[in-house]
PDB file of N, CA and C in Angstrom:
ATOM      1  N   MET A   1     -56.582 110.848 -77.308  1.00  0.00           N
ATOM      2  CA  MET A   1     -55.230 111.886 -76.462  1.00  0.00           C
ATOM      3  C   MET A   1     -54.989 110.965 -76.020  1.00  0.00           C
ATOM      4  N   SER A   2     -53.793 111.095 -75.783  1.00  0.00           N
ATOM      5  CA  SER A   2     -52.945 109.611 -74.622  1.00  0.00           C
ATOM      6  C   SER A   2     -52.823 110.264 -73.584  1.00  0.00           C
ATOM      7  N   LYS A   3     -52.338 109.311 -72.569  1.00  0.00           N
ATOM      8  CA  LYS A   3     -52.541 110.177 -70.726  1.00  0.00           C
ATOM      9  C   LYS A   3     -52.130 111.378 -71.195  1.00  0.00           C
ATOM     10  N   ASN A   4     -50.806 111.759 -71.614  1.00  0.00           N
ATOM     11  CA  ASN A   4     -49.710 113.051 -71.165  1.00  0.00           C
ATOM     12  C   ASN A   4     -50.403 114.205 -71.564  1.00  0.00           C
ATOM     13  N   ASP A   5     -51.372 114.088 -72.403  1.00  0.00           N
ATOM     14  CA  ASP A   5     -52.539 115.169 -73.183  1.00  0.00           C
ATOM     15  C   ASP A   5     -53.498 115.432 -71.935  1.00  0.00           C
ATOM     16  N   GLY A   6     -54.051 113.930 -71.792  1.00  0.00           N
ATOM     17  CA  GLY A   6     -54.981 114.688 -70.187  1.00  0.00           C
ATOM     18  C   GLY A   6     -54.728 115.355 -69.542  1.00  0.00           C
ATOM     19  N   LYS A   7     -52.904 114.748 -68.576  1.00  0.00           N
ATOM     20  CA  LYS A   7     -52.999 115.411 -68.023  1.00  0.00           C
ATOM     21  C   LYS A   7     -52.448 117.005 -67.959  1.00  0.00           C
ATOM     22  N   VAL A   8     -52.228 116.512 -69.644  1.00  0.00           N
ATOM     23  CA  VAL A   8     -52.006 118.441 -69.356  1.00  0.00           C
ATOM     24  C   VAL A   8     -52.737 119.202 -69.595  1.00  0.00           C
ATOM     25  N   GLU A   9     -53.911 118.547 -70.368  1.00  0.00           N
ATOM     26  CA  GLU A   9     -55.704 119.511 -70.295  1.00  0.00           C
ATOM     27  C   GLU A   9     -56.224 119.501 -69.093  1.00  0.00           C
ATOM     28  N   GLU A  10     -55.878 118.370 -67.761  1.00  0.00           N
ATOM     29  CA  GLU A  10     -55.853 119.200 -67.048  1.00  0.00           C
ATOM     30  C   GLU A  10     -55.694 120.130 -65.942  1.00  0.00           C
ATOM     31  N   LEU A  11     -54.184 120.366 -66.021  1.00  0.00           N
ATOM     32  CA  LEU A  11     -53.567 121.434 -65.640  1.00  0.00           C
ATOM     33  C   LEU A  11     -54.064 122.562 -65.926  1.00  0.00           C
ATOM     34  N   LEU A  12     -54.056 122.453 -67.701  1.00  0.00           N
ATOM     35  CA  LEU A  12     -54.634 124.299 -68.241  1.00  0.00           C
ATOM     36  C   LEU A  12     -55.955 124.121 -67.351  1.00  0.00           C
ATOM     37  N   ALA A  13     -57.030 122.953 -67.170  1.00  0.00           N
ATOM     38  CA  ALA A  13     -58.169 123.225 -66.613  1.00  0.00           C
ATOM     39  C   ALA A  13     -58.146 124.459 -65.322  1.00  0.00           C
ATOM     40  N   LYS A  14     -57.462 123.972 -64.738  1.00  0.00           N
ATOM     41  CA  LYS A  14     -56.755 124.321 -63.219  1.00  0.00           C
ATOM     42  C   LYS A  14     -56.577 125.937 -63.277  1.00  0.00           C
ATOM     43  N   HIS A  15     -55.754 126.030 -64.569  1.00  0.00           N
ATOM     44  CA  HIS A  15     -54.640 127.508 -64.653  1.00  0.00           C
ATOM     45  C   HIS A  15     -55.139 127.343 -65.445  1.00  0.00           C
ATOM     46  N   PRO A  16     -56.132 128.724 -66.156  1.00  0.00           N
ATOM     47  CA  PRO A  16     -56.301 128.968 -67.829  1.00  0.00           C
ATOM     48  C   PRO A  16     -55.051 130.007 -68.349  1.00  0.00           C
ATOM     49  N   GLU A  17     -54.619 130.601 -66.519  1.00  0.00           N
ATOM     50  CA  GLU A  17     -53.690 131.562 -67.479  1.00  0.00           C
ATOM     51  C   GLU A  17     -53.116 130.953 -67.594  1.00  0.00           C
ATOM     52  N   MET A  18     -52.037 129.426 -67.409  1.00  0.00           N
ATOM     53  CA  MET A  18     -51.359 128.820 -67.784  1.00  0.00           C
ATOM     54  C   MET A  18     -50.992 128.528 -69.412  1.00  0.00           C
ATOM     55  N   THR A  19     -50.263 128.893 -70.271  1.00  0.00           N
ATOM     56  CA  THR A  19     -50.008 127.898 -71.623  1.00  0.00           C
ATOM     57  C   THR A  19     -49.436 126.417 -71.600  1.00  0.00           C
ATOM     58  N   LYS A  20     -49.584 126.338 -72.914  1.00  0.00           N
ATOM     59  CA  LYS A  20     -49.609 124.811 -73.097  1.00  0.00           C
ATOM     60  C   LYS A  20     -48.286 124.403 -72.901  1.00  0.00           C
ATOM     61  N   PRO A  21     -47.298 124.984 -73.546  1.00  0.00           N
ATOM     62  CA  PRO A  21     -45.449 124.735 -73.110  1.00  0.00           C
ATOM     63  C   PRO A  21     -45.232 124.527 -71.780  1.00  0.00           C
ATOM     64  N   GLU A  22     -45.603 125.488 -71.225  1.00  0.00           N
ATOM     65  CA  GLU A  22     -45.780 126.224 -69.558  1.00  0.00           C
ATOM     66  C   GLU A  22     -46.176 124.396 -68.511  1.00  0.00           C
ATOM     67  N   ALA A  23     -47.037 124.169 -69.571  1.00  0.00           N
ATOM     68  CA  ALA A  23     -47.905 123.013 -68.804  1.00  0.00           C
ATOM     69  C   ALA A  23     -47.374 121.848 -68.611  1.00  0.00           C
ATOM     70  N   ILE A  24     -46.111 121.190 -70.005  1.00  0.00           N
ATOM     71  CA  ILE A  24     -45.602 120.069 -70.750  1.00  0.00           C
ATOM     72  C   ILE A  24     -44.389 120.039 -70.267  1.00  0.00           C
ATOM     73  N   LYS A  25     -44.255 121.923 -70.145  1.00  0.00           N
ATOM     74  CA  LYS A  25     -43.145 121.603 -69.357  1.00  0.00           C
ATOM     75  C   LYS A  25     -42.514 121.101 -67.859  1.00  0.00           C
ATOM     76  N   ILE A  26     -43.723 121.354 -67.576  1.00  0.00           N
ATOM     77  CA  ILE A  26     -43.808 121.393 -65.715  1.00  0.00           C
ATOM     78  C   ILE A  26     -44.038 119.953 -65.123  1.00  0.00           C
ATOM     79  N   LEU A  27     -45.152 119.774 -66.598  1.00  0.00           N
ATOM     80  CA  LEU A  27     -45.165 117.645 -66.169  1.00  0.00           C
ATOM     81  C   LEU A  27     -43.780 117.167 -66.647  1.00  0.00           C
ATOM     82  N   ALA A  28     -43.261 117.722 -67.165  1.00  0.00           N
ATOM     83  CA  ALA A  28     -41.812 116.555 -67.794  1.00  0.00           C
ATOM     84  C   ALA A  28     -40.944 116.852 -67.004  1.00  0.00           C
ATOM     85  N   GLU A  29     -41.012 117.910 -65.804  1.00  0.00           N
ATOM     86  CA  GLU A  29     -40.097 118.199 -65.057  1.00  0.00           C
ATOM     87  C   GLU A  29     -40.607 117.345 -63.565  1.00  0.00           C
ATOM     88  N   LYS A  30     -41.677 117.604 -63.610  1.00  0.00           N
ATOM     89  CA  LYS A  30     -42.308 115.997 -62.606  1.00  0.00           C
ATOM     90  C   LYS A  30     -42.018 114.792 -62.785  1.00  0.00           C
ATOM     91  N   ASN A  31     -41.750 113.932 -64.100  1.00  0.00           N
ATOM     92  CA  ASN A  31     -41.415 112.871 -64.537  1.00  0.00           C
ATOM     93  C   ASN A  31     -40.498 112.431 -64.194  1.00  0.00           C
ATOM     94  N   GLU A  32     -39.953 113.588 -64.265  1.00  0.00           N
ATOM     95  CA  GLU A  32     -37.626 113.519 -63.950  1.00  0.00           C
ATOM     96  C   GLU A  32     -37.942 113.790 -62.657  1.00  0.00           C
ATOM     97  N   ARG A  33     -38.514 114.540 -61.894  1.00  0.00           N
ATOM     98  CA  ARG A  33     -38.204 113.610 -60.405  1.00  0.00           C
ATOM     99  C   ARG A  33     -38.591 112.653 -59.523  1.00  0.00           C
ATOM    100  N   LYS A  34     -39.761 112.174 -60.608  1.00  0.00           N
ATOM    101  CA  LYS A  34     -40.106 110.487 -60.159  1.00  0.00           C
ATOM    102  C   LYS A  34     -38.776 109.548 -60.480  1.00  0.00           C
ATOM    103  N   ASN A  35     -39.031 109.840 -61.310  1.00  0.00           N
ATOM    104  CA  ASN A  35     -38.147 109.103 -62.354  1.00  0.00           C
ATOM    105  C   ASN A  35     -36.341 108.816 -61.171  1.00  0.00           C
ATOM    106  N   GLN A  36     -36.124 110.224 -61.058  1.00  0.00           N
ATOM    107  CA  GLN A  36     -34.562 110.060 -60.522  1.00  0.00           C
ATOM    108  C   GLN A  36     -35.631 109.567 -58.971  1.00  0.00           C
ATOM    109  N   LYS A  37     -36.773 110.137 -58.197  1.00  0.00           N
ATOM    110  CA  LYS A  37     -36.366 108.653 -56.199  1.00  0.00           C
ATOM    111  C   LYS A  37     -36.872 107.512 -57.202  1.00  0.00           C
ATOM    112  N   ARG A  38     -37.378 107.713 -58.257  1.00  0.00           N
ATOM    113  CA  ARG A  38     -37.768 105.759 -57.992  1.00  0.00           C
ATOM    114  C   ARG A  38     -36.170 104.724 -58.546  1.00  0.00           C
ATOM    115  N   ALA A  39     -35.277 105.480 -59.417  1.00  0.00           N
ATOM    116  CA  ALA A  39     -34.087 105.308 -59.196  1.00  0.00           C
ATOM    117  C   ALA A  39     -33.368 105.378 -57.728  1.00  0.00           C
ATOM    118  N   GLU A  40     -33.674 106.694 -57.240  1.00  0.00           N
ATOM    119  CA  GLU A  40     -32.696 106.309 -55.870  1.00  0.00           C
ATOM    120  C   GLU A  40     -33.340 104.658 -54.928  1.00  0.00           C
ATOM    121  N   LYS A  41     -34.438 105.218 -55.122  1.00  0.00           N
ATOM    122  CA  LYS A  41     -35.083 104.093 -54.276  1.00  0.00           C
ATOM    123  C   LYS A  41     -34.844 102.757 -54.431  1.00  0.00           C
ATOM    124  N   THR A  42     -34.873 101.694 -55.835  1.00  0.00           N
ATOM    125  CA  THR A  42     -34.021 101.145 -56.217  1.00  0.00           C
ATOM    126  C   THR A  42     -32.959 100.610 -55.929  1.00  0.00           C
ATOM    127  N   ALA A  43     -32.187 101.945 -55.982  1.00  0.00           N
ATOM    128  CA  ALA A  43     -30.652 101.357 -55.199  1.00  0.00           C
ATOM    129  C   ALA A  43     -30.223 101.096 -54.481  1.00  0.00           C
ATOM    130  N   ARG A  44     -31.172 101.758 -53.443  1.00  0.00           N
ATOM    131  CA  ARG A  44     -31.084 101.380 -51.772  1.00  0.00           C
ATOM    132  C   ARG A  44     -31.279 100.330 -51.612  1.00  0.00           C
ATOM    133  N   VAL A  45     -32.655  99.708 -52.295  1.00  0.00           N
ATOM    134  CA  VAL A  45     -32.999  98.547 -51.991  1.00  0.00           C
ATOM    135  C   VAL A  45     -32.541  97.071 -52.603  1.00  0.00           C
ATOM    136  N   ASP A  46     -30.915  97.616 -53.777  1.00  0.00           N
ATOM    137  CA  ASP A  46     -30.164  97.033 -54.828  1.00  0.00           C
ATOM    138  C   ASP A  46     -29.232  96.618 -53.259  1.00  0.00           C
ATOM    139  N   ALA A  47     -28.683  97.870 -52.417  1.00  0.00           N
ATOM    140  CA  ALA A  47     -27.058  97.907 -51.952  1.00  0.00           C
ATOM    141  C   ALA A  47     -26.946  96.794 -50.782  1.00  0.00           C
ATOM    142  N   LYS A  48     -29.087  97.180 -49.889  1.00  0.00           N
ATOM    143  CA  LYS A  48     -29.565  96.304 -48.861  1.00  0.00           C
ATOM    144  C   LYS A  48     -29.224  95.169 -48.776  1.00  0.00           C
ATOM    145  N   LYS A  49     -29.856  94.808 -50.004  1.00  0.00           N
ATOM    146  CA  LYS A  49     -29.909  92.869 -50.882  1.00  0.00           C
ATOM    147  C   LYS A  49     -28.402  92.655 -50.708  1.00  0.00           C
ATOM    148  N   LEU A  50     -27.392  92.838 -51.414  1.00  0.00           N
ATOM    149  CA  LEU A  50     -26.077  93.177 -51.371  1.00  0.00           C
ATOM    150  C   LEU A  50     -25.479  92.513 -49.958  1.00  0.00           C
ATOM    151  N   LYS A  51     -25.651  94.176 -49.088  1.00  0.00           N
ATOM    152  CA  LYS A  51     -25.020  94.107 -48.001  1.00  0.00           C
ATOM    153  C   LYS A  51     -26.119  92.496 -46.714  1.00  0.00           C
ATOM    154  N   ALA A  52     -26.994  92.039 -46.719  1.00  0.00           N
ATOM    155  CA  ALA A  52     -27.740  90.502 -46.803  1.00  0.00           C
ATOM    156  C   ALA A  52     -27.240  89.230 -47.086  1.00  0.00           C
ATOM    157  N   ALA A  53     -27.129  89.519 -48.804  1.00  0.00           N
ATOM    158  CA  ALA A  53     -25.940  88.532 -49.366  1.00  0.00           C
ATOM    159  C   ALA A  53     -24.785  88.262 -48.621  1.00  0.00           C
ATOM    160  N   GLU A  54     -24.014  89.869 -48.627  1.00  0.00           N
ATOM    161  CA  GLU A  54     -22.460  89.510 -47.921  1.00  0.00           C
ATOM    162  C   GLU A  54     -22.836  88.733 -46.762  1.00  0.00           C
ATOM    163  N   ARG A  55     -23.793  89.715 -46.039  1.00  0.00           N
ATOM    164  CA  ARG A  55     -23.956  89.124 -44.461  1.00  0.00           C
ATOM    165  C   ARG A  55     -23.586  87.467 -44.805  1.00  0.00           C
ATOM    166  N   ARG A  56     -24.779  87.224 -45.104  1.00  0.00           N
ATOM    167  CA  ARG A  56     -25.009  85.194 -45.048  1.00  0.00           C
ATOM    168  C   ARG A  56     -24.369  85.052 -45.270  1.00  0.00           C
ATOM    169  N   ALA A  57     -23.216  85.648 -46.238  1.00  0.00           N
ATOM    170  CA  ALA A  57     -22.453  84.380 -47.654  1.00  0.00           C
ATOM    171  C   ALA A  57     -20.689  83.937 -45.715  1.00  0.00           C
ATOM    172  N   GLY A  58     -20.719  85.422 -45.415  1.00  0.00           N
ATOM    173  CA  GLY A  58     -19.846  85.474 -43.954  1.00  0.00           C
ATOM    174  C   GLY A  58     -20.353  84.789 -42.990  1.00  0.00           C
ATOM    175  N   GLU A  59     -21.377  83.844 -42.745  1.00  0.00           N
ATOM    176  CA  GLU A  59     -22.522  83.131 -41.696  1.00  0.00           C
ATOM    177  C   GLU A  59     -21.835  82.003 -42.314  1.00  0.00           C
ATOM    178  N   ASP A  60     -21.967  81.389 -43.481  1.00  0.00           N
ATOM    179  CA  ASP A  60     -21.621  80.273 -43.773  1.00  0.00           C
ATOM    180  C   ASP A  60     -20.700  80.235 -43.759  1.00  0.00           C
ATOM    181  N   GLU A  61     -19.362  80.801 -44.501  1.00  0.00           N
ATOM    182  CA  GLU A  61     -18.075  80.871 -44.039  1.00  0.00           C
ATOM    183  C   GLU A  61     -17.367  80.793 -42.531  1.00  0.00           C
ATOM    184  N   ALA A  62     -18.299  80.616 -40.945  1.00  0.00           N
ATOM    185  CA  ALA A  62     -18.680  80.431 -40.345  1.00  0.00           C
ATOM    186  C   ALA A  62     -18.973  79.021 -39.448  1.00  0.00           C
TER     187      ALA A  62
END
């Protein structure tokens, strides 16, 4: 059983009225949100690093 199958089974155990396709859809949407949040955080960190590098370059010229 894969990790995702285990999570689907856990969700179905908590909510027995839910169907397996519904549980899969919920987990897929959750994963999309997590991936989007991770990408946004990476973009913020990269922008911060770039800004710091530009600032250091400006200080070296002066």
